[in-house]
Amino acid sequence: MEFKTECMKQVRLRMGWSQSDLARRLKTDLQTILNLENGAQTPSNEIKSQFLFLLQQADFISEQTQCGAIAEQFLEAENIHQIFHPELRDKFIIE
């Protein structure tokens, strides 16, 4: 996965983080985040690495959230109020 400075703001907003939040997570200061988002500064290798890790986490969380909503819709449509393992095995395991 390649680091792209323009992704920083998009990921930050998607996660609901302020610039200060992102600075804290990347172990840097607010001015660095401002400079990076505006393209006035080139990120260090450490910031690139930390940001790519956060991006992977954001993608994972987004995927989990989407799957959770789909599962909830299915359970509601099937009028399933409590889940038991055998029911899940029978409905979701494809052999």
C-alpha atoms as a PDB file:
ATOM      1  CA  MET A   1       0.000   0.000   0.000  1.00  0.00           C
ATOM      2  CA  GLU A   2       1.366   3.369  -1.018  1.00  0.00           C
ATOM      3  CA  PHE A   3       1.336   6.508   1.145  1.00  0.00           C
ATOM      4  CA  LYS A   4      -0.622   9.400  -0.333  1.00  0.00           C
ATOM      5  CA  THR A   5      -0.693  12.718   1.509  1.00  0.00           C
ATOM      6  CA  GLU A   6      -4.121  13.585   0.093  1.00  0.00           C
ATOM      7  CA  CYS A   7      -5.557  10.501   1.814  1.00  0.00           C
ATOM      8  CA  MET A   8      -4.701  11.811   5.254  1.00  0.00           C
ATOM      9  CA  LYS A   9      -7.596  14.230   5.497  1.00  0.00           C
ATOM     10  CA  GLN A  10     -10.055  11.743   3.975  1.00  0.00           C
ATOM     11  CA  VAL A  11      -9.085   9.005   6.425  1.00  0.00           C
ATOM     12  CA  ARG A  12      -9.063  11.432   9.335  1.00  0.00           C
ATOM     13  CA  LEU A  13     -12.571  12.636   8.517  1.00  0.00           C
ATOM     14  CA  ARG A  14     -13.833   9.097   7.865  1.00  0.00           C
ATOM     15  CA  MET A  15     -12.659   8.108  11.322  1.00  0.00           C
ATOM     16  CA  GLY A  16     -14.189  11.216  12.880  1.00  0.00           C
ATOM     17  CA  TRP A  17     -10.824  12.478  14.132  1.00  0.00           C
ATOM     18  CA  SER A  18      -9.702  16.058  14.490  1.00  0.00           C
ATOM     19  CA  GLN A  19      -6.261  17.067  13.251  1.00  0.00           C
ATOM     20  CA  SER A  20      -5.137  16.944  16.886  1.00  0.00           C
ATOM     21  CA  ASP A  21      -6.445  13.378  17.178  1.00  0.00           C
ATOM     22  CA  LEU A  22      -4.474  12.327  14.112  1.00  0.00           C
ATOM     23  CA  ALA A  23      -1.360  14.085  15.395  1.00  0.00           C
ATOM     24  CA  ARG A  24      -1.622  12.170  18.675  1.00  0.00           C
ATOM     25  CA  ARG A  25      -2.096   8.846  16.882  1.00  0.00           C
ATOM     26  CA  LEU A  26       0.879   9.526  14.622  1.00  0.00           C
ATOM     27  CA  LYS A  27       2.958  10.719  17.596  1.00  0.00           C
ATOM     28  CA  THR A  28       3.602  14.109  16.066  1.00  0.00           C
ATOM     29  CA  ASP A  29       2.393  17.674  16.535  1.00  0.00           C
ATOM     30  CA  LEU A  30      -0.591  19.510  15.113  1.00  0.00           C
ATOM     31  CA  GLN A  31       1.525  21.768  12.882  1.00  0.00           C
ATOM     32  CA  THR A  32       3.015  18.723  11.162  1.00  0.00           C
ATOM     33  CA  ILE A  33      -0.476  17.396  10.381  1.00  0.00           C
ATOM     34  CA  LEU A  34      -1.535  20.805   9.048  1.00  0.00           C
ATOM     35  CA  ASN A  35       1.567  20.935   6.842  1.00  0.00           C
ATOM     36  CA  LEU A  36       1.096  17.366   5.604  1.00  0.00           C
ATOM     37  CA  GLU A  37      -2.577  17.853   4.752  1.00  0.00           C
ATOM     38  CA  ASN A  38      -1.762  21.078   2.900  1.00  0.00           C
ATOM     39  CA  GLY A  39       1.147  19.500   1.042  1.00  0.00           C
ATOM     40  CA  ALA A  40       3.644  21.900   2.605  1.00  0.00           C
ATOM     41  CA  GLN A  41       5.686  19.113   4.183  1.00  0.00           C
ATOM     42  CA  THR A  42       6.896  15.690   3.131  1.00  0.00           C
ATOM     43  CA  PRO A  43       6.193  12.995   5.725  1.00  0.00           C
ATOM     44  CA  SER A  44       8.984  11.111   7.429  1.00  0.00           C
ATOM     45  CA  ASN A  45       9.212   7.360   6.926  1.00  0.00           C
ATOM     46  CA  GLU A  46       7.959   6.862  10.489  1.00  0.00           C
ATOM     47  CA  ILE A  47       4.846   8.964   9.869  1.00  0.00           C
ATOM     48  CA  LYS A  48       4.230   7.140   6.576  1.00  0.00           C
ATOM     49  CA  SER A  49       4.483   3.796   8.319  1.00  0.00           C
ATOM     50  CA  GLN A  50       2.216   4.818  11.189  1.00  0.00           C
ATOM     51  CA  PHE A  51      -0.333   6.345   8.819  1.00  0.00           C
ATOM     52  CA  LEU A  52      -0.445   3.239   6.628  1.00  0.00           C
ATOM     53  CA  PHE A  53      -1.075   1.171   9.767  1.00  0.00           C
ATOM     54  CA  LEU A  54      -3.949   3.510  10.718  1.00  0.00           C
ATOM     55  CA  LEU A  55      -5.309   3.257   7.173  1.00  0.00           C
ATOM     56  CA  GLN A  56      -5.357  -0.542   7.388  1.00  0.00           C
ATOM     57  CA  GLN A  57      -7.153  -0.292  10.737  1.00  0.00           C
ATOM     58  CA  ALA A  58      -9.700   2.143   9.266  1.00  0.00           C
ATOM     59  CA  ASP A  59     -10.367  -0.227   6.354  1.00  0.00           C
ATOM     60  CA  PHE A  60     -10.794  -3.162   8.731  1.00  0.00           C
ATOM     61  CA  ILE A  61     -13.173  -1.215  10.970  1.00  0.00           C
ATOM     62  CA  SER A  62     -15.200  -0.063   7.967  1.00  0.00           C
ATOM     63  CA  GLU A  63     -15.478  -3.622   6.700  1.00  0.00           C
ATOM     64  CA  GLN A  64     -16.520  -4.923  10.108  1.00  0.00           C
ATOM     65  CA  THR A  65     -19.115  -2.171  10.489  1.00  0.00           C
ATOM     66  CA  GLN A  66     -20.569  -2.913   7.069  1.00  0.00           C
ATOM     67  CA  CYS A  67     -20.722  -6.655   7.755  1.00  0.00           C
ATOM     68  CA  GLY A  68     -22.348  -6.021  11.128  1.00  0.00           C
ATOM     69  CA  ALA A  69     -25.134  -3.989   9.520  1.00  0.00           C
ATOM     70  CA  ILE A  70     -25.756  -6.678   6.902  1.00  0.00           C
ATOM     71  CA  ALA A  71     -25.931  -9.360   9.601  1.00  0.00           C
ATOM     72  CA  GLU A  72     -28.348  -7.269  11.677  1.00  0.00           C
ATOM     73  CA  GLN A  73     -30.619  -6.753   8.663  1.00  0.00           C
ATOM     74  CA  PHE A  74     -30.613 -10.490   7.943  1.00  0.00           C
ATOM     75  CA  LEU A  75     -31.411 -11.398  11.544  1.00  0.00           C
ATOM     76  CA  GLU A  76     -34.218  -8.852  11.667  1.00  0.00           C
ATOM     77  CA  ALA A  77     -35.670 -10.093   8.361  1.00  0.00           C
ATOM     78  CA  GLU A  78     -35.559 -13.693   9.631  1.00  0.00           C
ATOM     79  CA  ASN A  79     -37.104 -12.593  12.942  1.00  0.00           C
ATOM     80  CA  ILE A  80     -34.201 -14.093  14.861  1.00  0.00           C
ATOM     81  CA  HIS A  81     -33.937 -12.534  18.300  1.00  0.00           C
ATOM     82  CA  GLN A  82     -31.308 -14.731  19.861  1.00  0.00           C
ATOM     83  CA  ILE A  83     -28.532 -16.493  18.023  1.00  0.00           C
ATOM     84  CA  PHE A  84     -27.482 -20.040  18.743  1.00  0.00           C
ATOM     85  CA  HIS A  85     -24.419 -21.614  17.196  1.00  0.00           C
ATOM     86  CA  PRO A  86     -26.238 -24.507  15.426  1.00  0.00           C
ATOM     87  CA  GLU A  87     -28.592 -22.022  13.727  1.00  0.00           C
ATOM     88  CA  LEU A  88     -25.637 -20.033  12.435  1.00  0.00           C
ATOM     89  CA  ARG A  89     -23.816 -23.103  11.247  1.00  0.00           C
ATOM     90  CA  ASP A  90     -26.836 -24.310   9.306  1.00  0.00           C
ATOM     91  CA  LYS A  91     -27.593 -20.905   7.724  1.00  0.00           C
ATOM     92  CA  PHE A  92     -24.131 -19.584   6.957  1.00  0.00           C
ATOM     93  CA  ILE A  93     -21.733 -22.456   6.344  1.00  0.00           C
ATOM     94  CA  ILE A  94     -21.558 -23.438   2.713  1.00  0.00           C
ATOM     95  CA  GLU A  95     -20.067 -26.817   2.014  1.00  0.00           C
END
